[in-house]
Amino acid sequence: MKTVFVTVGTTSFDDLIEEITSAEAVKQALKCRGYEHLVLQVGRGSFVPDPHNFAHIAMEVFRFKDSIAKDMEQADLIISHAGAGSCLEALGAGKALLVVVNDKLMDNHQLELAKQLHKDSHLLYCTCPTLTETLRSMDLSVLQPFAPGQPKKFADFMDKALGLR
């Protein structure tokens, strides 16, 4: 069963959770791509969807777990907020990653991180308003693996992404 794992990390990103579960066009785009199972990690958000009200795709919802590694491992696609920890964990799991940038954040370093990782072909990114179109048109075959275990390379990458060099 093709699975999508959605994570907002330890934050709240109700706009993403609502867009994934409420927008009929998003549900249709997932279904057209063959996804049958949706696992949502909703963090501290105030919007918690009812899995029983979600037709056509099986859905699980939770706030937090000790580890989301198993959820990532079992996913065919990870949709994540643009937090560095979530991005690195998803990339480290070797999974296709679609990052949804929270464009309501002030001093949004997440956008710079997403842009740089996209430029290096490690992920795709969008915002909530462009999520449906991104799901419809995305080509996951263009994504390149992110080499794990290179802290110096990652530190240099973060400096570059955040404009520190």
N, C-alpha and C. Protein backbone atom coordinates (compact mmCIF):
# COMPACT_ATOMS: atom_id res chain seq x y z
N MET A 1 0.84 -1.18 0.00
CA MET A 1 0.00 0.00 0.00
C MET A 1 0.89 1.24 0.00
N LYS A 2 0.74 2.11 -1.00
CA LYS A 2 1.56 3.32 -1.08
C LYS A 2 1.15 4.30 0.03
N THR A 3 2.16 4.77 0.76
CA THR A 3 1.93 5.58 1.95
C THR A 3 2.59 6.94 1.84
N VAL A 4 1.86 7.96 2.33
CA VAL A 4 2.39 9.31 2.49
C VAL A 4 2.48 9.57 3.99
N PHE A 5 3.64 10.02 4.44
CA PHE A 5 3.81 10.44 5.83
C PHE A 5 3.96 11.95 5.83
N VAL A 6 3.13 12.62 6.64
CA VAL A 6 3.17 14.07 6.77
C VAL A 6 3.64 14.41 8.17
N THR A 7 4.66 15.26 8.27
CA THR A 7 5.17 15.64 9.58
C THR A 7 5.33 17.16 9.70
N VAL A 8 4.98 17.66 10.87
CA VAL A 8 5.19 19.08 11.17
C VAL A 8 6.22 19.24 12.30
N GLY A 9 6.88 18.13 12.64
CA GLY A 9 7.89 18.19 13.70
C GLY A 9 7.27 18.52 15.05
N THR A 10 7.98 19.30 15.85
CA THR A 10 7.50 19.65 17.19
C THR A 10 6.70 20.95 17.18
N THR A 11 6.48 21.50 16.00
CA THR A 11 5.77 22.78 15.89
C THR A 11 4.28 22.55 15.63
N SER A 12 3.60 23.61 15.28
CA SER A 12 2.24 23.49 14.76
C SER A 12 2.25 24.10 13.36
N PHE A 13 1.55 23.45 12.46
CA PHE A 13 1.44 23.94 11.09
C PHE A 13 0.05 23.51 10.60
N ASP A 14 -0.97 24.10 11.25
CA ASP A 14 -2.35 23.74 10.95
C ASP A 14 -2.70 23.93 9.48
N ASP A 15 -2.13 24.96 8.84
CA ASP A 15 -2.44 25.18 7.43
C ASP A 15 -2.09 23.97 6.58
N LEU A 16 -0.97 23.34 6.86
CA LEU A 16 -0.56 22.16 6.10
C LEU A 16 -1.51 21.00 6.38
N ILE A 17 -1.78 20.73 7.65
CA ILE A 17 -2.66 19.61 8.01
C ILE A 17 -4.06 19.82 7.42
N GLU A 18 -4.57 21.04 7.51
CA GLU A 18 -5.89 21.33 6.94
C GLU A 18 -5.89 21.17 5.42
N GLU A 19 -4.85 21.65 4.76
CA GLU A 19 -4.77 21.55 3.30
C GLU A 19 -4.74 20.09 2.85
N ILE A 20 -3.95 19.28 3.54
CA ILE A 20 -3.83 17.86 3.18
C ILE A 20 -5.16 17.13 3.38
N THR A 21 -5.88 17.45 4.45
CA THR A 21 -7.06 16.66 4.80
C THR A 21 -8.39 17.28 4.37
N SER A 22 -8.39 18.56 4.04
CA SER A 22 -9.66 19.23 3.73
C SER A 22 -9.83 19.57 2.26
N ALA A 23 -8.75 19.84 1.56
CA ALA A 23 -8.85 20.23 0.16
C ALA A 23 -9.10 18.99 -0.71
N GLU A 24 -10.25 18.96 -1.34
CA GLU A 24 -10.62 17.82 -2.17
C GLU A 24 -9.61 17.60 -3.29
N ALA A 25 -9.07 18.68 -3.83
CA ALA A 25 -8.10 18.57 -4.92
C ALA A 25 -6.81 17.87 -4.46
N VAL A 26 -6.39 18.12 -3.22
CA VAL A 26 -5.20 17.44 -2.68
C VAL A 26 -5.47 15.96 -2.54
N LYS A 27 -6.61 15.62 -1.97
CA LYS A 27 -6.98 14.20 -1.82
C LYS A 27 -7.01 13.51 -3.19
N GLN A 28 -7.57 14.18 -4.17
CA GLN A 28 -7.65 13.61 -5.52
C GLN A 28 -6.26 13.44 -6.13
N ALA A 29 -5.39 14.42 -5.93
CA ALA A 29 -4.03 14.32 -6.45
C ALA A 29 -3.29 13.14 -5.83
N LEU A 30 -3.45 12.94 -4.53
CA LEU A 30 -2.83 11.79 -3.86
C LEU A 30 -3.38 10.48 -4.41
N LYS A 31 -4.69 10.42 -4.54
CA LYS A 31 -5.34 9.21 -5.05
C LYS A 31 -4.89 8.90 -6.47
N CYS A 32 -4.80 9.94 -7.32
CA CYS A 32 -4.37 9.75 -8.72
C CYS A 32 -2.94 9.21 -8.80
N ARG A 33 -2.12 9.52 -7.82
CA ARG A 33 -0.73 9.03 -7.79
C ARG A 33 -0.62 7.66 -7.12
N GLY A 34 -1.76 7.11 -6.72
CA GLY A 34 -1.78 5.75 -6.18
C GLY A 34 -1.57 5.65 -4.68
N TYR A 35 -1.57 6.76 -3.98
CA TYR A 35 -1.40 6.70 -2.52
C TYR A 35 -2.70 6.26 -1.87
N GLU A 36 -2.59 5.29 -0.96
CA GLU A 36 -3.76 4.71 -0.31
C GLU A 36 -3.75 4.87 1.20
N HIS A 37 -2.65 5.35 1.74
CA HIS A 37 -2.49 5.43 3.20
C HIS A 37 -1.82 6.75 3.53
N LEU A 38 -2.40 7.48 4.48
CA LEU A 38 -1.89 8.78 4.89
C LEU A 38 -1.66 8.75 6.40
N VAL A 39 -0.44 9.02 6.81
CA VAL A 39 -0.08 9.07 8.23
C VAL A 39 0.30 10.52 8.55
N LEU A 40 -0.41 11.11 9.51
CA LEU A 40 -0.21 12.52 9.86
C LEU A 40 0.35 12.67 11.26
N GLN A 41 1.47 13.36 11.38
CA GLN A 41 2.03 13.76 12.66
C GLN A 41 1.72 15.24 12.78
N VAL A 42 0.78 15.60 13.69
CA VAL A 42 0.24 16.96 13.73
C VAL A 42 0.90 17.86 14.77
N GLY A 43 1.83 17.34 15.55
CA GLY A 43 2.57 18.17 16.51
C GLY A 43 1.67 18.90 17.48
N ARG A 44 1.98 20.17 17.72
CA ARG A 44 1.22 20.98 18.68
C ARG A 44 0.04 21.70 18.05
N GLY A 45 -0.33 21.33 16.86
CA GLY A 45 -1.41 22.02 16.16
C GLY A 45 -2.75 21.92 16.86
N SER A 46 -3.61 22.89 16.57
CA SER A 46 -4.95 22.87 17.16
C SER A 46 -5.93 22.12 16.26
N PHE A 47 -5.57 21.92 15.00
CA PHE A 47 -6.43 21.18 14.08
C PHE A 47 -6.00 19.72 14.04
N VAL A 48 -6.89 18.84 14.49
CA VAL A 48 -6.63 17.40 14.45
C VAL A 48 -7.75 16.75 13.66
N PRO A 49 -7.47 16.31 12.45
CA PRO A 49 -8.53 15.74 11.62
C PRO A 49 -9.03 14.40 12.15
N ASP A 50 -10.28 14.11 11.84
CA ASP A 50 -10.89 12.85 12.21
C ASP A 50 -10.63 11.84 11.10
N PRO A 51 -9.86 10.78 11.38
CA PRO A 51 -9.54 9.80 10.33
C PRO A 51 -10.78 9.12 9.74
N HIS A 52 -11.87 9.10 10.50
CA HIS A 52 -13.09 8.43 10.03
C HIS A 52 -13.84 9.26 8.99
N ASN A 53 -13.50 10.54 8.87
CA ASN A 53 -14.16 11.41 7.91
C ASN A 53 -13.35 11.57 6.63
N PHE A 54 -12.43 10.67 6.39
CA PHE A 54 -11.53 10.78 5.24
C PHE A 54 -11.80 9.61 4.31
N ALA A 55 -12.48 9.90 3.21
CA ALA A 55 -12.84 8.84 2.26
C ALA A 55 -11.69 8.56 1.29
N HIS A 56 -11.65 7.36 0.77
CA HIS A 56 -10.76 6.93 -0.31
C HIS A 56 -9.31 6.63 0.11
N ILE A 57 -8.85 7.18 1.21
CA ILE A 57 -7.48 6.93 1.66
C ILE A 57 -7.52 6.65 3.16
N ALA A 58 -6.89 5.55 3.58
CA ALA A 58 -6.81 5.24 5.01
C ALA A 58 -5.94 6.28 5.70
N MET A 59 -6.34 6.73 6.88
CA MET A 59 -5.59 7.79 7.55
C MET A 59 -5.37 7.45 9.02
N GLU A 60 -4.15 7.75 9.48
CA GLU A 60 -3.79 7.67 10.90
C GLU A 60 -3.32 9.04 11.33
N VAL A 61 -3.61 9.41 12.57
CA VAL A 61 -3.23 10.73 13.09
C VAL A 61 -2.62 10.56 14.47
N PHE A 62 -1.50 11.24 14.71
CA PHE A 62 -0.92 11.30 16.05
C PHE A 62 -0.20 12.62 16.23
N ARG A 63 -0.01 13.00 17.49
CA ARG A 63 0.71 14.25 17.78
C ARG A 63 2.22 14.01 17.81
N PHE A 64 2.65 13.13 18.70
CA PHE A 64 4.08 12.88 18.87
C PHE A 64 4.30 11.39 19.15
N LYS A 65 5.48 10.92 18.84
CA LYS A 65 5.97 9.58 19.18
C LYS A 65 7.40 9.76 19.63
N ASP A 66 7.92 8.76 20.33
CA ASP A 66 9.34 8.80 20.71
C ASP A 66 10.22 8.88 19.48
N SER A 67 9.79 8.22 18.40
CA SER A 67 10.56 8.24 17.16
C SER A 67 9.59 8.11 15.98
N ILE A 68 9.86 8.88 14.94
CA ILE A 68 9.05 8.76 13.71
C ILE A 68 9.85 8.03 12.61
N ALA A 69 10.97 7.45 13.00
CA ALA A 69 11.83 6.77 12.02
C ALA A 69 11.07 5.65 11.29
N LYS A 70 10.26 4.88 12.01
CA LYS A 70 9.52 3.79 11.38
C LYS A 70 8.48 4.33 10.40
N ASP A 71 7.83 5.44 10.76
CA ASP A 71 6.86 6.05 9.86
C ASP A 71 7.54 6.52 8.57
N MET A 72 8.72 7.11 8.73
CA MET A 72 9.47 7.55 7.55
C MET A 72 9.92 6.36 6.71
N GLU A 73 10.39 5.33 7.37
CA GLU A 73 10.86 4.14 6.67
C GLU A 73 9.75 3.50 5.85
N GLN A 74 8.54 3.51 6.37
CA GLN A 74 7.41 2.86 5.70
C GLN A 74 6.77 3.74 4.63
N ALA A 75 7.15 5.00 4.56
CA ALA A 75 6.53 5.93 3.62
C ALA A 75 7.14 5.83 2.23
N ASP A 76 6.31 6.05 1.23
CA ASP A 76 6.78 6.17 -0.14
C ASP A 76 7.07 7.62 -0.47
N LEU A 77 6.37 8.53 0.21
CA LEU A 77 6.55 9.97 0.06
C LEU A 77 6.43 10.60 1.44
N ILE A 78 7.34 11.52 1.74
CA ILE A 78 7.25 12.29 2.98
C ILE A 78 6.94 13.73 2.60
N ILE A 79 5.89 14.26 3.23
CA ILE A 79 5.55 15.67 3.10
C ILE A 79 5.84 16.29 4.46
N SER A 80 6.71 17.29 4.49
CA SER A 80 7.20 17.82 5.76
C SER A 80 7.20 19.33 5.76
N HIS A 81 7.13 19.89 6.97
CA HIS A 81 7.44 21.31 7.11
C HIS A 81 8.93 21.45 6.80
N ALA A 82 9.43 22.66 6.74
CA ALA A 82 10.81 22.87 6.29
C ALA A 82 11.80 23.00 7.44
N GLY A 83 11.49 22.43 8.58
CA GLY A 83 12.44 22.43 9.69
C GLY A 83 13.65 21.58 9.35
N ALA A 84 14.82 22.05 9.76
CA ALA A 84 16.06 21.35 9.42
C ALA A 84 16.06 19.91 9.94
N GLY A 85 15.61 19.69 11.17
CA GLY A 85 15.62 18.35 11.74
C GLY A 85 14.75 17.39 10.95
N SER A 86 13.55 17.82 10.61
CA SER A 86 12.64 16.96 9.85
C SER A 86 13.18 16.69 8.46
N CYS A 87 13.72 17.72 7.81
CA CYS A 87 14.30 17.53 6.47
C CYS A 87 15.45 16.54 6.51
N LEU A 88 16.35 16.71 7.46
CA LEU A 88 17.50 15.81 7.55
C LEU A 88 17.10 14.38 7.84
N GLU A 89 16.12 14.21 8.73
CA GLU A 89 15.68 12.85 9.06
C GLU A 89 15.07 12.19 7.83
N ALA A 90 14.25 12.92 7.08
CA ALA A 90 13.62 12.37 5.88
C ALA A 90 14.67 12.05 4.82
N LEU A 91 15.59 12.98 4.59
CA LEU A 91 16.64 12.75 3.60
C LEU A 91 17.54 11.59 4.02
N GLY A 92 17.82 11.49 5.31
CA GLY A 92 18.63 10.39 5.83
C GLY A 92 17.96 9.04 5.64
N ALA A 93 16.62 9.05 5.61
CA ALA A 93 15.87 7.81 5.39
C ALA A 93 15.84 7.42 3.91
N GLY A 94 16.36 8.32 3.06
CA GLY A 94 16.41 8.03 1.64
C GLY A 94 15.07 8.06 0.95
N LYS A 95 14.15 8.85 1.46
CA LYS A 95 12.80 8.91 0.91
C LYS A 95 12.58 10.16 0.07
N ALA A 96 11.64 10.05 -0.87
CA ALA A 96 11.22 11.21 -1.64
C ALA A 96 10.61 12.22 -0.67
N LEU A 97 11.04 13.48 -0.79
CA LEU A 97 10.63 14.50 0.17
C LEU A 97 10.05 15.71 -0.54
N LEU A 98 8.83 16.06 -0.12
CA LEU A 98 8.19 17.29 -0.55
C LEU A 98 8.06 18.17 0.68
N VAL A 99 8.73 19.30 0.67
CA VAL A 99 8.72 20.23 1.80
C VAL A 99 7.70 21.32 1.52
N VAL A 100 6.86 21.59 2.52
CA VAL A 100 5.89 22.66 2.42
C VAL A 100 6.35 23.77 3.36
N VAL A 101 6.75 24.88 2.76
CA VAL A 101 7.28 26.01 3.52
C VAL A 101 6.12 26.79 4.13
N ASN A 102 6.25 27.11 5.41
CA ASN A 102 5.24 27.93 6.09
C ASN A 102 5.56 29.38 5.78
N ASP A 103 4.87 29.94 4.79
CA ASP A 103 5.17 31.30 4.36
C ASP A 103 4.62 32.37 5.30
N LYS A 104 4.02 31.95 6.41
CA LYS A 104 3.53 32.92 7.41
C LYS A 104 4.58 33.22 8.49
N LEU A 105 5.70 32.50 8.46
CA LEU A 105 6.74 32.72 9.47
C LEU A 105 7.53 33.97 9.14
N MET A 106 7.89 34.73 10.17
CA MET A 106 8.77 35.88 10.01
C MET A 106 10.21 35.37 9.96
N ASP A 107 11.10 36.10 9.30
CA ASP A 107 12.50 35.69 9.18
C ASP A 107 12.59 34.21 8.82
N ASN A 108 11.99 33.86 7.71
CA ASN A 108 11.79 32.47 7.35
C ASN A 108 13.06 31.83 6.77
N HIS A 109 13.87 31.27 7.64
CA HIS A 109 15.07 30.54 7.20
C HIS A 109 14.70 29.22 6.55
N GLN A 110 13.48 28.75 6.82
CA GLN A 110 13.05 27.49 6.22
C GLN A 110 13.03 27.60 4.69
N LEU A 111 12.64 28.74 4.18
CA LEU A 111 12.59 28.91 2.74
C LEU A 111 13.98 28.79 2.13
N GLU A 112 14.98 29.41 2.77
CA GLU A 112 16.35 29.32 2.25
C GLU A 112 16.84 27.87 2.26
N LEU A 113 16.53 27.15 3.34
CA LEU A 113 16.93 25.74 3.44
C LEU A 113 16.27 24.94 2.32
N ALA A 114 14.96 25.12 2.13
CA ALA A 114 14.23 24.38 1.10
C ALA A 114 14.76 24.70 -0.29
N LYS A 115 15.02 25.99 -0.54
CA LYS A 115 15.53 26.39 -1.86
C LYS A 115 16.88 25.75 -2.15
N GLN A 116 17.78 25.73 -1.16
CA GLN A 116 19.11 25.17 -1.38
C GLN A 116 19.04 23.66 -1.59
N LEU A 117 18.25 22.96 -0.78
CA LEU A 117 18.12 21.51 -0.94
C LEU A 117 17.43 21.17 -2.26
N HIS A 118 16.53 22.02 -2.71
CA HIS A 118 15.89 21.83 -4.01
C HIS A 118 16.90 22.07 -5.14
N LYS A 119 17.66 23.13 -5.01
CA LYS A 119 18.69 23.45 -6.02
C LYS A 119 19.66 22.29 -6.18
N ASP A 120 19.96 21.61 -5.07
CA ASP A 120 20.86 20.45 -5.10
C ASP A 120 20.13 19.15 -5.43
N SER A 121 18.86 19.25 -5.82
CA SER A 121 18.02 18.12 -6.26
C SER A 121 17.75 17.08 -5.18
N HIS A 122 17.71 17.50 -3.92
CA HIS A 122 17.43 16.57 -2.83
C HIS A 122 15.95 16.52 -2.45
N LEU A 123 15.19 17.57 -2.79
CA LEU A 123 13.78 17.62 -2.44
C LEU A 123 13.03 18.54 -3.38
N LEU A 124 11.71 18.45 -3.30
CA LEU A 124 10.82 19.39 -3.97
C LEU A 124 10.21 20.25 -2.87
N TYR A 125 9.82 21.47 -3.20
CA TYR A 125 9.17 22.29 -2.18
C TYR A 125 8.06 23.14 -2.77
N CYS A 126 7.16 23.56 -1.89
CA CYS A 126 6.03 24.39 -2.28
C CYS A 126 5.52 25.11 -1.03
N THR A 127 4.41 25.80 -1.17
CA THR A 127 3.70 26.38 -0.04
C THR A 127 2.32 25.74 -0.01
N CYS A 128 1.54 26.01 1.03
CA CYS A 128 0.19 25.43 1.10
C CYS A 128 -0.65 25.78 -0.13
N PRO A 129 -0.65 27.05 -0.59
CA PRO A 129 -1.47 27.36 -1.76
C PRO A 129 -1.03 26.65 -3.05
N THR A 130 0.22 26.21 -3.13
CA THR A 130 0.69 25.54 -4.35
C THR A 130 0.82 24.03 -4.18
N LEU A 131 0.36 23.50 -3.04
CA LEU A 131 0.52 22.07 -2.75
C LEU A 131 -0.19 21.19 -3.78
N THR A 132 -1.43 21.51 -4.10
CA THR A 132 -2.19 20.67 -5.04
C THR A 132 -1.47 20.57 -6.38
N GLU A 133 -1.08 21.71 -6.93
CA GLU A 133 -0.42 21.70 -8.23
C GLU A 133 0.92 20.97 -8.16
N THR A 134 1.64 21.13 -7.05
CA THR A 134 2.92 20.43 -6.90
C THR A 134 2.70 18.93 -6.86
N LEU A 135 1.69 18.46 -6.13
CA LEU A 135 1.39 17.02 -6.08
C LEU A 135 1.01 16.49 -7.46
N ARG A 136 0.29 17.28 -8.21
CA ARG A 136 -0.13 16.85 -9.55
C ARG A 136 1.05 16.75 -10.51
N SER A 137 1.98 17.71 -10.42
CA SER A 137 3.02 17.82 -11.44
C SER A 137 4.40 17.31 -11.02
N MET A 138 4.57 16.92 -9.77
CA MET A 138 5.91 16.57 -9.29
C MET A 138 6.49 15.37 -10.02
N ASP A 139 7.81 15.42 -10.22
CA ASP A 139 8.56 14.32 -10.82
C ASP A 139 9.59 13.88 -9.79
N LEU A 140 9.27 12.85 -9.04
CA LEU A 140 10.15 12.39 -7.97
C LEU A 140 11.42 11.74 -8.50
N SER A 141 11.44 11.39 -9.78
CA SER A 141 12.62 10.72 -10.34
C SER A 141 13.82 11.66 -10.45
N VAL A 142 13.62 12.96 -10.35
CA VAL A 142 14.73 13.90 -10.47
C VAL A 142 15.51 14.05 -9.15
N LEU A 143 14.96 13.51 -8.07
CA LEU A 143 15.60 13.69 -6.76
C LEU A 143 16.85 12.83 -6.61
N GLN A 144 17.86 13.44 -6.01
CA GLN A 144 19.14 12.77 -5.78
C GLN A 144 19.31 12.48 -4.29
N PRO A 145 19.92 11.36 -3.92
CA PRO A 145 20.13 11.05 -2.50
C PRO A 145 21.01 12.10 -1.82
N PHE A 146 20.75 12.31 -0.56
CA PHE A 146 21.56 13.20 0.27
C PHE A 146 22.56 12.32 1.00
N ALA A 147 23.84 12.57 0.79
CA ALA A 147 24.89 11.73 1.38
C ALA A 147 24.90 11.89 2.90
N PRO A 148 24.65 10.81 3.64
CA PRO A 148 24.63 10.89 5.11
C PRO A 148 26.04 10.88 5.70
N GLY A 149 26.11 11.27 6.96
CA GLY A 149 27.34 11.12 7.72
C GLY A 149 28.46 12.05 7.34
N GLN A 150 28.15 13.23 6.86
CA GLN A 150 29.18 14.19 6.50
C GLN A 150 28.90 15.51 7.22
N PRO A 151 29.17 15.58 8.53
CA PRO A 151 28.82 16.76 9.32
C PRO A 151 29.46 18.05 8.80
N LYS A 152 30.69 17.99 8.32
CA LYS A 152 31.35 19.19 7.80
C LYS A 152 30.63 19.70 6.56
N LYS A 153 30.29 18.77 5.67
CA LYS A 153 29.56 19.14 4.46
C LYS A 153 28.20 19.73 4.82
N PHE A 154 27.53 19.14 5.81
CA PHE A 154 26.23 19.66 6.22
C PHE A 154 26.37 21.04 6.86
N ALA A 155 27.36 21.23 7.70
CA ALA A 155 27.58 22.54 8.33
C ALA A 155 27.85 23.60 7.26
N ASP A 156 28.66 23.27 6.27
CA ASP A 156 28.91 24.20 5.17
C ASP A 156 27.63 24.50 4.40
N PHE A 157 26.84 23.46 4.17
CA PHE A 157 25.57 23.61 3.47
C PHE A 157 24.64 24.55 4.25
N MET A 158 24.52 24.35 5.57
CA MET A 158 23.64 25.19 6.39
C MET A 158 24.13 26.64 6.37
N ASP A 159 25.42 26.85 6.46
CA ASP A 159 25.96 28.21 6.38
C ASP A 159 25.57 28.87 5.07
N LYS A 160 25.69 28.11 3.99
CA LYS A 160 25.35 28.63 2.66
C LYS A 160 23.84 28.89 2.56
N ALA A 161 23.03 27.96 3.03
CA ALA A 161 21.57 28.10 2.96
C ALA A 161 21.05 29.27 3.77
N LEU A 162 21.69 29.53 4.90
CA LEU A 162 21.24 30.61 5.77
C LEU A 162 21.96 31.93 5.50
N GLY A 163 22.78 31.96 4.46
CA GLY A 163 23.43 33.19 4.06
C GLY A 163 24.55 33.61 4.97
N LEU A 164 25.13 32.67 5.69
CA LEU A 164 26.23 32.99 6.59
C LEU A 164 27.58 33.03 5.88
N ARG A 165 27.57 32.58 4.65
CA ARG A 165 28.81 32.69 3.85
C ARG A 165 28.50 32.85 2.40
